[in-house]
Amino acid sequence: MGNLGFFETLSFGPGGWGPMLLSGALMTVALSLSGFLLAAVIGGVFSWAKISGNRPVRYFADAYTTVVRGIPDLLIIYLLYFGGSQILTSLGKLFGEGQFISFPGFLAGMLAVGIAAGAQQTEVFRGAFYAIAPGELEAAKAFGMSPWVRIHRIIIPLLLRHALPGMGNVWQLVLKAAALVSVTGLAELMNKAQTGAGSTGKPFDFYCAAALLYLVISAFSGWSLRRAEVHYSRGVKR
């Protein structure tokens, strides 16, 4: 193994670490997508609370975005993973289980990434809603559209038109936060790179490979978001 070159070490051939890094990259994509979707749901709920909720609901939403944006993502991961493991272990003792019960790393990571990015997504959706021209909403009402039809045919398409650039930034934050989940032992890309570096004594090779894979994921997802932005901006002069 020590005599293999850079490309042989990272290849898919005998003794190569390509399959392991690829599985880590797929796990990173799965974790990031799950966290991003959860953040979108959280962002939708809390942005609605800030826009349309009564005073206590708005205060609660403000507290969520203020507190979460002021805490490092790594600390949220630790709180959910180790806090969840402690709660599960305590519950296990009530049923006669004396061993430590670990909180699932993927679930802890998805929740942590979703909660952290949800605060950013809340502000993205709120700003996008206020960017919609009031006349467009009033025209939909004047046309006799029901609330559901207005949401489905007017508000969501216009909201996405304004929100997609900000959502692209949130996606980049999610991708970077997903790398921190390696502290839970989840076999994502960063964890696999650390394992390969420790096993072969070639940290530069594996961290360079991990950086390239992150860039590929980021480039492809950025291209997809730009295509979506073009789709929802049809008919708009820029």
C-alpha atoms as a PDB file:
ATOM      1  CA  MET A   1       0.000   0.000   0.000  1.00  0.00           C
ATOM      2  CA  GLY A   2       2.821   2.383   0.850  1.00  0.00           C
ATOM      3  CA  ASN A   3       4.335   1.976  -2.644  1.00  0.00           C
ATOM      4  CA  LEU A   4       1.168   2.888  -4.501  1.00  0.00           C
ATOM      5  CA  GLY A   5       1.006   6.245  -6.228  1.00  0.00           C
ATOM      6  CA  PHE A   6      -1.723   8.850  -5.853  1.00  0.00           C
ATOM      7  CA  PHE A   7      -3.979   7.500  -8.581  1.00  0.00           C
ATOM      8  CA  GLU A   8      -3.434   3.827  -7.639  1.00  0.00           C
ATOM      9  CA  THR A   9      -4.279   4.567  -3.997  1.00  0.00           C
ATOM     10  CA  LEU A  10      -7.529   6.274  -4.925  1.00  0.00           C
ATOM     11  CA  SER A  11      -8.446   3.928  -7.777  1.00  0.00           C
ATOM     12  CA  PHE A  12     -11.226   1.344  -7.953  1.00  0.00           C
ATOM     13  CA  GLY A  13      -8.704  -1.436  -8.611  1.00  0.00           C
ATOM     14  CA  PRO A  14      -7.170  -3.933  -6.165  1.00  0.00           C
ATOM     15  CA  GLY A  15      -6.022  -2.141  -3.021  1.00  0.00           C
ATOM     16  CA  GLY A  16      -7.614   1.129  -4.153  1.00  0.00           C
ATOM     17  CA  TRP A  17      -9.745   3.243  -1.849  1.00  0.00           C
ATOM     18  CA  GLY A  18     -12.031   4.588  -4.576  1.00  0.00           C
ATOM     19  CA  PRO A  19     -15.126   2.544  -3.583  1.00  0.00           C
ATOM     20  CA  MET A  20     -14.814   3.620   0.051  1.00  0.00           C
ATOM     21  CA  LEU A  21     -14.499   7.306  -0.824  1.00  0.00           C
ATOM     22  CA  LEU A  22     -17.403   7.031  -3.257  1.00  0.00           C
ATOM     23  CA  SER A  23     -19.631   5.473  -0.577  1.00  0.00           C
ATOM     24  CA  GLY A  24     -18.635   8.320   1.758  1.00  0.00           C
ATOM     25  CA  ALA A  25     -19.517  10.878  -0.900  1.00  0.00           C
ATOM     26  CA  LEU A  26     -22.935   9.266  -1.422  1.00  0.00           C
ATOM     27  CA  MET A  27     -23.548   9.331   2.320  1.00  0.00           C
ATOM     28  CA  THR A  28     -22.597  13.039   2.370  1.00  0.00           C
ATOM     29  CA  VAL A  29     -25.084  13.749  -0.435  1.00  0.00           C
ATOM     30  CA  ALA A  30     -27.835  11.789   1.344  1.00  0.00           C
ATOM     31  CA  LEU A  31     -27.178  13.563   4.645  1.00  0.00           C
ATOM     32  CA  SER A  32     -26.996  16.992   3.009  1.00  0.00           C
ATOM     33  CA  LEU A  33     -30.205  16.489   1.014  1.00  0.00           C
ATOM     34  CA  SER A  34     -32.060  15.249   4.106  1.00  0.00           C
ATOM     35  CA  GLY A  35     -30.822  18.175   6.187  1.00  0.00           C
ATOM     36  CA  PHE A  36     -31.596  20.656   3.403  1.00  0.00           C
ATOM     37  CA  LEU A  37     -35.173  19.392   2.996  1.00  0.00           C
ATOM     38  CA  LEU A  38     -35.706  19.505   6.754  1.00  0.00           C
ATOM     39  CA  ALA A  39     -34.309  23.059   6.789  1.00  0.00           C
ATOM     40  CA  ALA A  40     -36.741  24.025   4.013  1.00  0.00           C
ATOM     41  CA  VAL A  41     -39.685  22.714   6.040  1.00  0.00           C
ATOM     42  CA  ILE A  42     -38.475  24.479   9.197  1.00  0.00           C
ATOM     43  CA  GLY A  43     -37.791  27.651   7.220  1.00  0.00           C
ATOM     44  CA  GLY A  44     -41.268  27.586   5.695  1.00  0.00           C
ATOM     45  CA  VAL A  45     -42.959  27.182   9.079  1.00  0.00           C
ATOM     46  CA  PHE A  46     -40.922  29.815  10.909  1.00  0.00           C
ATOM     47  CA  SER A  47     -41.019  32.339   8.063  1.00  0.00           C
ATOM     48  CA  TRP A  48     -44.816  31.990   8.064  1.00  0.00           C
ATOM     49  CA  ALA A  49     -44.731  32.519  11.845  1.00  0.00           C
ATOM     50  CA  LYS A  50     -42.716  35.717  11.406  1.00  0.00           C
ATOM     51  CA  ILE A  51     -44.938  37.043   8.616  1.00  0.00           C
ATOM     52  CA  SER A  52     -48.432  35.988   9.654  1.00  0.00           C
ATOM     53  CA  GLY A  53     -48.230  34.741  13.239  1.00  0.00           C
ATOM     54  CA  ASN A  54     -49.503  36.574  16.313  1.00  0.00           C
ATOM     55  CA  ARG A  55     -47.094  38.267  18.696  1.00  0.00           C
ATOM     56  CA  PRO A  56     -46.134  35.211  20.848  1.00  0.00           C
ATOM     57  CA  VAL A  57     -45.566  33.117  17.716  1.00  0.00           C
ATOM     58  CA  ARG A  58     -43.396  35.847  16.171  1.00  0.00           C
ATOM     59  CA  TYR A  59     -41.385  36.103  19.394  1.00  0.00           C
ATOM     60  CA  PHE A  60     -40.863  32.335  19.399  1.00  0.00           C
ATOM     61  CA  ALA A  61     -39.712  32.390  15.758  1.00  0.00           C
ATOM     62  CA  ASP A  62     -37.382  35.324  16.466  1.00  0.00           C
ATOM     63  CA  ALA A  63     -35.914  33.468  19.451  1.00  0.00           C
ATOM     64  CA  TYR A  64     -35.303  30.367  17.322  1.00  0.00           C
ATOM     65  CA  THR A  65     -33.445  32.193  14.545  1.00  0.00           C
ATOM     66  CA  THR A  66     -31.471  34.360  16.991  1.00  0.00           C
ATOM     67  CA  VAL A  67     -30.366  31.489  19.235  1.00  0.00           C
ATOM     68  CA  VAL A  68     -29.597  28.951  16.515  1.00  0.00           C
ATOM     69  CA  ARG A  69     -27.652  31.409  14.345  1.00  0.00           C
ATOM     70  CA  GLY A  70     -25.556  32.304  17.399  1.00  0.00           C
ATOM     71  CA  ILE A  71     -24.513  28.697  18.146  1.00  0.00           C
ATOM     72  CA  PRO A  72     -21.809  26.837  16.172  1.00  0.00           C
ATOM     73  CA  ASP A  73     -23.096  23.958  14.052  1.00  0.00           C
ATOM     74  CA  LEU A  74     -20.639  21.586  15.734  1.00  0.00           C
ATOM     75  CA  LEU A  75     -22.131  22.367  19.150  1.00  0.00           C
ATOM     76  CA  ILE A  76     -25.646  21.594  17.858  1.00  0.00           C
ATOM     77  CA  ILE A  77     -24.349  18.242  16.560  1.00  0.00           C
ATOM     78  CA  TYR A  78     -22.786  17.463  19.959  1.00  0.00           C
ATOM     79  CA  LEU A  79     -25.967  18.449  21.802  1.00  0.00           C
ATOM     80  CA  LEU A  80     -28.191  16.243  19.658  1.00  0.00           C
ATOM     81  CA  TYR A  81     -25.844  13.267  19.388  1.00  0.00           C
ATOM     82  CA  PHE A  82     -24.516  13.048  22.942  1.00  0.00           C
ATOM     83  CA  GLY A  83     -27.666  14.492  24.504  1.00  0.00           C
ATOM     84  CA  GLY A  84     -29.811  12.021  22.535  1.00  0.00           C
ATOM     85  CA  SER A  85     -27.503   9.142  23.499  1.00  0.00           C
ATOM     86  CA  GLN A  86     -27.747  10.115  27.173  1.00  0.00           C
ATOM     87  CA  ILE A  87     -31.542  10.213  27.030  1.00  0.00           C
ATOM     88  CA  LEU A  88     -31.709   6.856  25.220  1.00  0.00           C
ATOM     89  CA  THR A  89     -29.334   5.297  27.757  1.00  0.00           C
ATOM     90  CA  SER A  90     -31.443   6.620  30.652  1.00  0.00           C
ATOM     91  CA  LEU A  91     -34.599   5.231  29.051  1.00  0.00           C
ATOM     92  CA  GLY A  92     -32.838   1.915  28.449  1.00  0.00           C
ATOM     93  CA  LYS A  93     -31.984   1.618  32.156  1.00  0.00           C
ATOM     94  CA  LEU A  94     -35.673   1.952  32.997  1.00  0.00           C
ATOM     95  CA  PHE A  95     -36.253  -1.204  30.944  1.00  0.00           C
ATOM     96  CA  GLY A  96     -33.275  -3.090  32.382  1.00  0.00           C
ATOM     97  CA  GLU A  97     -30.738  -2.270  29.643  1.00  0.00           C
ATOM     98  CA  GLY A  98     -27.479  -1.408  31.379  1.00  0.00           C
ATOM     99  CA  GLN A  99     -25.361  -0.595  28.320  1.00  0.00           C
ATOM    100  CA  PHE A 100     -24.762   2.723  26.605  1.00  0.00           C
ATOM    101  CA  ILE A 101     -27.243   3.295  23.755  1.00  0.00           C
ATOM    102  CA  SER A 102     -25.917   5.458  20.964  1.00  0.00           C
ATOM    103  CA  PHE A 103     -28.193   7.903  19.151  1.00  0.00           C
ATOM    104  CA  PRO A 104     -28.159   7.129  15.387  1.00  0.00           C
ATOM    105  CA  GLY A 105     -25.464   9.271  13.799  1.00  0.00           C
ATOM    106  CA  PHE A 106     -27.371   9.889  10.564  1.00  0.00           C
ATOM    107  CA  LEU A 107     -30.505  10.990  12.414  1.00  0.00           C
ATOM    108  CA  ALA A 108     -28.515  13.252  14.744  1.00  0.00           C
ATOM    109  CA  GLY A 109     -26.671  14.764  11.784  1.00  0.00           C
ATOM    110  CA  MET A 110     -29.816  15.326   9.746  1.00  0.00           C
ATOM    111  CA  LEU A 111     -31.582  16.995  12.688  1.00  0.00           C
ATOM    112  CA  ALA A 112     -28.561  19.136  13.547  1.00  0.00           C
ATOM    113  CA  VAL A 113     -27.969  20.267   9.972  1.00  0.00           C
ATOM    114  CA  GLY A 114     -31.685  20.854   9.420  1.00  0.00           C
ATOM    115  CA  ILE A 115     -32.124  22.881  12.604  1.00  0.00           C
ATOM    116  CA  ALA A 116     -28.990  24.962  11.967  1.00  0.00           C
ATOM    117  CA  ALA A 117     -29.796  25.638   8.311  1.00  0.00           C
ATOM    118  CA  GLY A 118     -33.497  26.134   9.085  1.00  0.00           C
ATOM    119  CA  ALA A 119     -32.681  29.423  10.808  1.00  0.00           C
ATOM    120  CA  GLN A 120     -30.928  30.656   7.655  1.00  0.00           C
ATOM    121  CA  GLN A 121     -33.723  29.338   5.453  1.00  0.00           C
ATOM    122  CA  THR A 122     -36.311  31.177   7.555  1.00  0.00           C
ATOM    123  CA  GLU A 123     -34.744  34.521   6.722  1.00  0.00           C
ATOM    124  CA  VAL A 124     -34.331  33.566   3.051  1.00  0.00           C
ATOM    125  CA  PHE A 125     -38.046  32.731   2.714  1.00  0.00           C
ATOM    126  CA  ARG A 126     -39.120  35.789   4.696  1.00  0.00           C
ATOM    127  CA  GLY A 127     -37.050  38.114   2.508  1.00  0.00           C
ATOM    128  CA  ALA A 128     -38.293  36.400  -0.657  1.00  0.00           C
ATOM    129  CA  PHE A 129     -41.924  36.830   0.407  1.00  0.00           C
ATOM    130  CA  TYR A 130     -41.468  40.546   0.997  1.00  0.00           C
ATOM    131  CA  ALA A 131     -39.813  40.826  -2.441  1.00  0.00           C
ATOM    132  CA  ILE A 132     -43.083  39.796  -4.113  1.00  0.00           C
ATOM    133  CA  ALA A 133     -44.857  42.853  -5.485  1.00  0.00           C
ATOM    134  CA  PRO A 134     -48.070  43.448  -3.453  1.00  0.00           C
ATOM    135  CA  GLY A 135     -49.935  44.148  -6.683  1.00  0.00           C
ATOM    136  CA  GLU A 136     -49.406  40.556  -7.851  1.00  0.00           C
ATOM    137  CA  LEU A 137     -51.053  39.188  -4.698  1.00  0.00           C
ATOM    138  CA  GLU A 138     -53.871  41.722  -4.920  1.00  0.00           C
ATOM    139  CA  ALA A 139     -54.444  40.823  -8.569  1.00  0.00           C
ATOM    140  CA  ALA A 140     -54.782  37.143  -7.610  1.00  0.00           C
ATOM    141  CA  LYS A 141     -57.391  38.070  -4.985  1.00  0.00           C
ATOM    142  CA  ALA A 142     -59.239  40.309  -7.440  1.00  0.00           C
ATOM    143  CA  PHE A 143     -59.282  37.428  -9.912  1.00  0.00           C
ATOM    144  CA  GLY A 144     -61.215  35.382  -7.365  1.00  0.00           C
ATOM    145  CA  MET A 145     -58.525  32.802  -6.597  1.00  0.00           C
ATOM    146  CA  SER A 146     -58.999  30.800  -3.410  1.00  0.00           C
ATOM    147  CA  PRO A 147     -56.216  30.951  -0.764  1.00  0.00           C
ATOM    148  CA  TRP A 148     -54.919  27.505  -1.783  1.00  0.00           C
ATOM    149  CA  VAL A 149     -54.847  28.422  -5.493  1.00  0.00           C
ATOM    150  CA  ARG A 150     -53.043  31.688  -4.673  1.00  0.00           C
ATOM    151  CA  ILE A 151     -50.431  29.776  -2.675  1.00  0.00           C
ATOM    152  CA  HIS A 152     -49.994  27.047  -5.292  1.00  0.00           C
ATOM    153  CA  ARG A 153     -50.063  29.153  -8.480  1.00  0.00           C
ATOM    154  CA  ILE A 154     -48.861  32.597  -7.395  1.00  0.00           C
ATOM    155  CA  ILE A 155     -47.030  32.715  -4.069  1.00  0.00           C
ATOM    156  CA  ILE A 156     -44.846  29.593  -4.282  1.00  0.00           C
ATOM    157  CA  PRO A 157     -43.541  30.232  -7.858  1.00  0.00           C
ATOM    158  CA  LEU A 158     -42.820  33.893  -7.068  1.00  0.00           C
ATOM    159  CA  LEU A 159     -41.323  32.981  -3.690  1.00  0.00           C
ATOM    160  CA  LEU A 160     -38.964  30.447  -5.285  1.00  0.00           C
ATOM    161  CA  ARG A 161     -37.939  32.983  -7.939  1.00  0.00           C
ATOM    162  CA  HIS A 162     -36.646  35.300  -5.217  1.00  0.00           C
ATOM    163  CA  ALA A 163     -35.516  32.610  -2.749  1.00  0.00           C
ATOM    164  CA  LEU A 164     -33.440  30.323  -4.997  1.00  0.00           C
ATOM    165  CA  PRO A 165     -30.220  32.434  -4.927  1.00  0.00           C
ATOM    166  CA  GLY A 166     -30.373  32.459  -1.112  1.00  0.00           C
ATOM    167  CA  MET A 167     -31.236  28.761  -1.033  1.00  0.00           C
ATOM    168  CA  GLY A 168     -28.068  28.119  -3.024  1.00  0.00           C
ATOM    169  CA  ASN A 169     -26.042  29.781  -0.282  1.00  0.00           C
ATOM    170  CA  VAL A 170     -27.856  27.740   2.373  1.00  0.00           C
ATOM    171  CA  TRP A 171     -27.058  24.556   0.429  1.00  0.00           C
ATOM    172  CA  GLN A 172     -23.350  25.400   0.513  1.00  0.00           C
ATOM    173  CA  LEU A 173     -23.590  25.883   4.295  1.00  0.00           C
ATOM    174  CA  VAL A 174     -25.401  22.548   4.618  1.00  0.00           C
ATOM    175  CA  LEU A 175     -22.703  20.761   2.613  1.00  0.00           C
ATOM    176  CA  LYS A 176     -19.978  22.130   4.872  1.00  0.00           C
ATOM    177  CA  ALA A 177     -21.950  21.411   8.046  1.00  0.00           C
ATOM    178  CA  ALA A 178     -22.436  17.801   6.903  1.00  0.00           C
ATOM    179  CA  ALA A 179     -18.650  17.313   7.108  1.00  0.00           C
ATOM    180  CA  LEU A 180     -18.807  18.104  10.831  1.00  0.00           C
ATOM    181  CA  VAL A 181     -21.102  15.115  11.403  1.00  0.00           C
ATOM    182  CA  SER A 182     -18.003  12.910  11.061  1.00  0.00           C
ATOM    183  CA  VAL A 183     -17.488  13.491  14.820  1.00  0.00           C
ATOM    184  CA  THR A 184     -20.401  11.101  15.446  1.00  0.00           C
ATOM    185  CA  GLY A 185     -18.620   8.330  13.538  1.00  0.00           C
ATOM    186  CA  LEU A 186     -21.034   8.472  10.593  1.00  0.00           C
ATOM    187  CA  ALA A 187     -19.295   7.064   7.508  1.00  0.00           C
ATOM    188  CA  GLU A 188     -19.596  10.170   5.355  1.00  0.00           C
ATOM    189  CA  LEU A 189     -16.885  11.567   3.077  1.00  0.00           C
ATOM    190  CA  MET A 190     -14.781  13.341   5.721  1.00  0.00           C
ATOM    191  CA  ASN A 191     -14.869  10.290   7.981  1.00  0.00           C
ATOM    192  CA  LYS A 192     -13.767   8.037   5.113  1.00  0.00           C
ATOM    193  CA  ALA A 193     -10.926  10.408   4.203  1.00  0.00           C
ATOM    194  CA  GLN A 194      -9.718  10.401   7.803  1.00  0.00           C
ATOM    195  CA  THR A 195      -9.869   6.596   7.888  1.00  0.00           C
ATOM    196  CA  GLY A 196      -7.919   6.274   4.650  1.00  0.00           C
ATOM    197  CA  ALA A 197      -5.344   8.848   5.737  1.00  0.00           C
ATOM    198  CA  GLY A 198      -4.792   7.067   9.048  1.00  0.00           C
ATOM    199  CA  SER A 199      -4.577   3.598   7.486  1.00  0.00           C
ATOM    200  CA  THR A 200      -2.151   4.466   4.677  1.00  0.00           C
ATOM    201  CA  GLY A 201      -0.146   7.337   6.153  1.00  0.00           C
ATOM    202  CA  LYS A 202      -1.082   9.486   3.134  1.00  0.00           C
ATOM    203  CA  PRO A 203      -3.214  12.289   4.560  1.00  0.00           C
ATOM    204  CA  PHE A 204      -2.426  14.698   1.702  1.00  0.00           C
ATOM    205  CA  ASP A 205      -3.697  12.256  -0.927  1.00  0.00           C
ATOM    206  CA  PHE A 206      -6.959  11.504   0.852  1.00  0.00           C
ATOM    207  CA  TYR A 207      -7.763  15.066   1.884  1.00  0.00           C
ATOM    208  CA  CYS A 208      -7.050  16.271  -1.674  1.00  0.00           C
ATOM    209  CA  ALA A 209      -9.390  13.570  -2.993  1.00  0.00           C
ATOM    210  CA  ALA A 210     -12.060  14.584  -0.459  1.00  0.00           C
ATOM    211  CA  ALA A 211     -11.698  18.238  -1.502  1.00  0.00           C
ATOM    212  CA  LEU A 212     -12.143  17.293  -5.166  1.00  0.00           C
ATOM    213  CA  LEU A 213     -15.251  15.252  -4.386  1.00  0.00           C
ATOM    214  CA  TYR A 214     -16.731  18.125  -2.371  1.00  0.00           C
ATOM    215  CA  LEU A 215     -16.052  20.453  -5.307  1.00  0.00           C
ATOM    216  CA  VAL A 216     -17.771  18.035  -7.717  1.00  0.00           C
ATOM    217  CA  ILE A 217     -20.842  17.816  -5.455  1.00  0.00           C
ATOM    218  CA  SER A 218     -20.889  21.589  -4.999  1.00  0.00           C
ATOM    219  CA  ALA A 219     -20.481  22.283  -8.732  1.00  0.00           C
ATOM    220  CA  PHE A 220     -23.240  19.873  -9.759  1.00  0.00           C
ATOM    221  CA  SER A 221     -25.675  21.111  -7.103  1.00  0.00           C
ATOM    222  CA  GLY A 222     -24.863  24.730  -8.004  1.00  0.00           C
ATOM    223  CA  TRP A 223     -25.586  23.994 -11.671  1.00  0.00           C
ATOM    224  CA  SER A 224     -28.907  22.347 -10.703  1.00  0.00           C
ATOM    225  CA  LEU A 225     -29.953  25.338  -8.604  1.00  0.00           C
ATOM    226  CA  ARG A 226     -29.049  27.745 -11.413  1.00  0.00           C
ATOM    227  CA  ARG A 227     -31.209  25.726 -13.804  1.00  0.00           C
ATOM    228  CA  ALA A 228     -34.082  25.932 -11.318  1.00  0.00           C
ATOM    229  CA  GLU A 229     -33.512  29.685 -10.981  1.00  0.00           C
ATOM    230  CA  VAL A 230     -33.713  30.082 -14.763  1.00  0.00           C
ATOM    231  CA  HIS A 231     -36.919  28.020 -14.821  1.00  0.00           C
ATOM    232  CA  TYR A 232     -38.677  30.149 -12.203  1.00  0.00           C
ATOM    233  CA  SER A 233     -37.430  33.400 -13.760  1.00  0.00           C
ATOM    234  CA  ARG A 234     -38.988  32.786 -17.163  1.00  0.00           C
ATOM    235  CA  GLY A 235     -40.432  35.977 -18.628  1.00  0.00           C
ATOM    236  CA  VAL A 236     -38.449  38.232 -16.281  1.00  0.00           C
ATOM    237  CA  LYS A 237     -36.088  40.785 -17.812  1.00  0.00           C
ATOM    238  CA  ARG A 238     -32.679  40.963 -16.116  1.00  0.00           C
END
